[in-house]
Every structure is written in C-alpha cells, then in structure tokens.
C-alpha atoms as a PDB file:
ATOM      1  CA  MET A   1      64.946 -59.564   7.587  1.00  0.00           C
ATOM      2  CA  THR A   2      62.491 -59.781   4.702  1.00  0.00           C
ATOM      3  CA  ARG A   3      58.768 -60.049   5.121  1.00  0.00           C
ATOM      4  CA  GLN A   4      57.293 -63.158   3.518  1.00  0.00           C
ATOM      5  CA  ASN A   5      54.217 -62.992   1.343  1.00  0.00           C
ATOM      6  CA  PRO A   6      51.381 -65.173   2.719  1.00  0.00           C
ATOM      7  CA  TRP A   7      49.874 -65.638  -0.766  1.00  0.00           C
ATOM      8  CA  ALA A   8      51.099 -69.215  -1.271  1.00  0.00           C
ATOM      9  CA  THR A   9      49.812 -70.473   2.062  1.00  0.00           C
ATOM     10  CA  LYS A  10      46.401 -68.884   1.470  1.00  0.00           C
ATOM     11  CA  VAL A  11      46.062 -70.420  -1.998  1.00  0.00           C
ATOM     12  CA  ALA A  12      47.247 -73.800  -0.689  1.00  0.00           C
ATOM     13  CA  SER A  13      44.530 -73.676   1.971  1.00  0.00           C
ATOM     14  CA  LEU A  14      41.940 -72.938  -0.738  1.00  0.00           C
ATOM     15  CA  ILE A  15      43.041 -76.023  -2.650  1.00  0.00           C
ATOM     16  CA  GLN A  16      43.134 -78.239   0.407  1.00  0.00           C
ATOM     17  CA  GLY A  17      39.695 -76.952   1.411  1.00  0.00           C
ATOM     18  CA  GLY A  18      38.261 -78.030  -1.931  1.00  0.00           C
ATOM     19  CA  ASN A  19      37.766 -74.613  -3.540  1.00  0.00           C
ATOM     20  CA  GLU A  20      39.823 -75.268  -6.644  1.00  0.00           C
ATOM     21  CA  ALA A  21      38.014 -72.661  -8.769  1.00  0.00           C
ATOM     22  CA  ALA A  22      38.987 -69.844  -6.400  1.00  0.00           C
ATOM     23  CA  ALA A  23      42.553 -71.139  -6.269  1.00  0.00           C
ATOM     24  CA  LEU A  24      42.786 -71.182 -10.077  1.00  0.00           C
ATOM     25  CA  ALA A  25      41.561 -67.586 -10.190  1.00  0.00           C
ATOM     26  CA  GLN A  26      44.247 -66.588  -7.680  1.00  0.00           C
ATOM     27  CA  ILE A  27      46.934 -68.470  -9.611  1.00  0.00           C
ATOM     28  CA  LYS A  28      46.065 -66.511 -12.775  1.00  0.00           C
ATOM     29  CA  VAL A  29      46.876 -63.260 -10.948  1.00  0.00           C
ATOM     30  CA  ALA A  30      49.891 -64.575  -9.037  1.00  0.00           C
ATOM     31  CA  PRO A  31      52.246 -61.861  -7.801  1.00  0.00           C
ATOM     32  CA  SER A  32      55.529 -63.517  -8.818  1.00  0.00           C
ATOM     33  CA  VAL A  33      57.310 -66.652  -9.961  1.00  0.00           C
ATOM     34  CA  LYS A  34      58.738 -67.046  -6.468  1.00  0.00           C
ATOM     35  CA  ASP A  35      55.235 -67.243  -4.999  1.00  0.00           C
ATOM     36  CA  LEU A  36      54.145 -69.840  -7.554  1.00  0.00           C
ATOM     37  CA  GLN A  37      57.201 -71.958  -6.837  1.00  0.00           C
ATOM     38  CA  GLN A  38      56.506 -71.683  -3.116  1.00  0.00           C
ATOM     39  CA  LEU A  39      52.910 -72.846  -3.737  1.00  0.00           C
ATOM     40  CA  ARG A  40      54.104 -75.865  -5.726  1.00  0.00           C
ATOM     41  CA  LYS A  41      56.526 -76.697  -2.920  1.00  0.00           C
ATOM     42  CA  LEU A  42      53.783 -76.407  -0.274  1.00  0.00           C
ATOM     43  CA  LEU A  43      51.436 -78.692  -2.202  1.00  0.00           C
ATOM     44  CA  GLY A  44      54.082 -81.288  -3.067  1.00  0.00           C
ATOM     45  CA  ALA A  45      52.421 -84.647  -3.771  1.00  0.00           C
ATOM     46  CA  ALA A  46      48.942 -83.084  -3.655  1.00  0.00           C
ATOM     47  CA  LEU A  47      49.564 -81.673  -7.143  1.00  0.00           C
ATOM     48  CA  ALA A  48      48.937 -85.168  -8.536  1.00  0.00           C
ATOM     49  CA  ARG A  49      45.374 -85.020  -7.170  1.00  0.00           C
ATOM     50  CA  HIS A  50      44.807 -81.575  -8.703  1.00  0.00           C
ATOM     51  CA  PRO A  51      45.997 -81.695 -12.336  1.00  0.00           C
ATOM     52  CA  ASN A  52      44.310 -78.353 -13.182  1.00  0.00           C
ATOM     53  CA  VAL A  53      46.290 -76.613 -10.453  1.00  0.00           C
ATOM     54  CA  ASP A  54      49.487 -78.318 -11.620  1.00  0.00           C
ATOM     55  CA  ASP A  55      48.937 -77.142 -15.199  1.00  0.00           C
ATOM     56  CA  ALA A  56      47.948 -73.622 -14.163  1.00  0.00           C
ATOM     57  CA  THR A  57      50.978 -73.109 -11.919  1.00  0.00           C
ATOM     58  CA  SER A  58      53.338 -74.455 -14.582  1.00  0.00           C
ATOM     59  CA  ASP A  59      51.809 -72.228 -17.259  1.00  0.00           C
ATOM     60  CA  MET A  60      51.949 -69.124 -15.076  1.00  0.00           C
ATOM     61  CA  ILE A  61      55.580 -69.766 -14.140  1.00  0.00           C
ATOM     62  CA  VAL A  62      56.439 -69.875 -17.844  1.00  0.00           C
ATOM     63  CA  THR A  63      54.346 -66.780 -18.551  1.00  0.00           C
ATOM     64  CA  LEU A  64      55.844 -64.717 -15.731  1.00  0.00           C
ATOM     65  CA  SER A  65      59.371 -65.899 -16.546  1.00  0.00           C
ATOM     66  CA  SER A  66      59.265 -65.002 -20.224  1.00  0.00           C
ATOM     67  CA  PRO A  67      60.426 -61.598 -21.380  1.00  0.00           C
ATOM     68  CA  ARG A  68      57.764 -59.026 -22.107  1.00  0.00           C
ATOM     69  CA  LEU A  69      56.802 -58.373 -25.721  1.00  0.00           C
ATOM     70  CA  HIS A  70      57.053 -54.614 -25.320  1.00  0.00           C
ATOM     71  CA  ARG A  71      59.278 -52.182 -23.515  1.00  0.00           C
ATOM     72  CA  SER A  72      58.266 -49.288 -21.359  1.00  0.00           C
ATOM     73  CA  PRO A  73      59.140 -45.844 -22.734  1.00  0.00           C
END
C-alpha cells in the first residue's frame, strides 16, 4: 500500500480559505505532476473562480512534464 502525499489537499484548503498567494507559491514548488493533477481534480469547478491558480497549475504541469535541458553526469 502506498502512502499518499497530503500536498494537494493542503493547497486546496489554502485556495478555499482565500489565501491564493500562498497557494500560488506552493504550486510553483510542486513536488510532481501527479500532485498537480490531483489538486486540479480536487478543485474541479472552483478553478473557474480562480483563473490564476488554473494558469499556474497548467503551466507547472507542462514545465514538470517537459524533458530537462541538461543531463546529469
């Protein structure tokens, strides 16, 4: 059994509590694409009320999904 990361639920509670600035800061340092997708799923229709959060999550999914520009030695 895998342990789930509570990151998405914590960020969703920040957004629902009205602290969008803190949520945007957390989204910029998101641990993984999976967590961002889970956050978008948790928010659902609420993303329409928070266009900055919608844009930030979409941008970070693209950024984390893209291949790195350099390789480790």
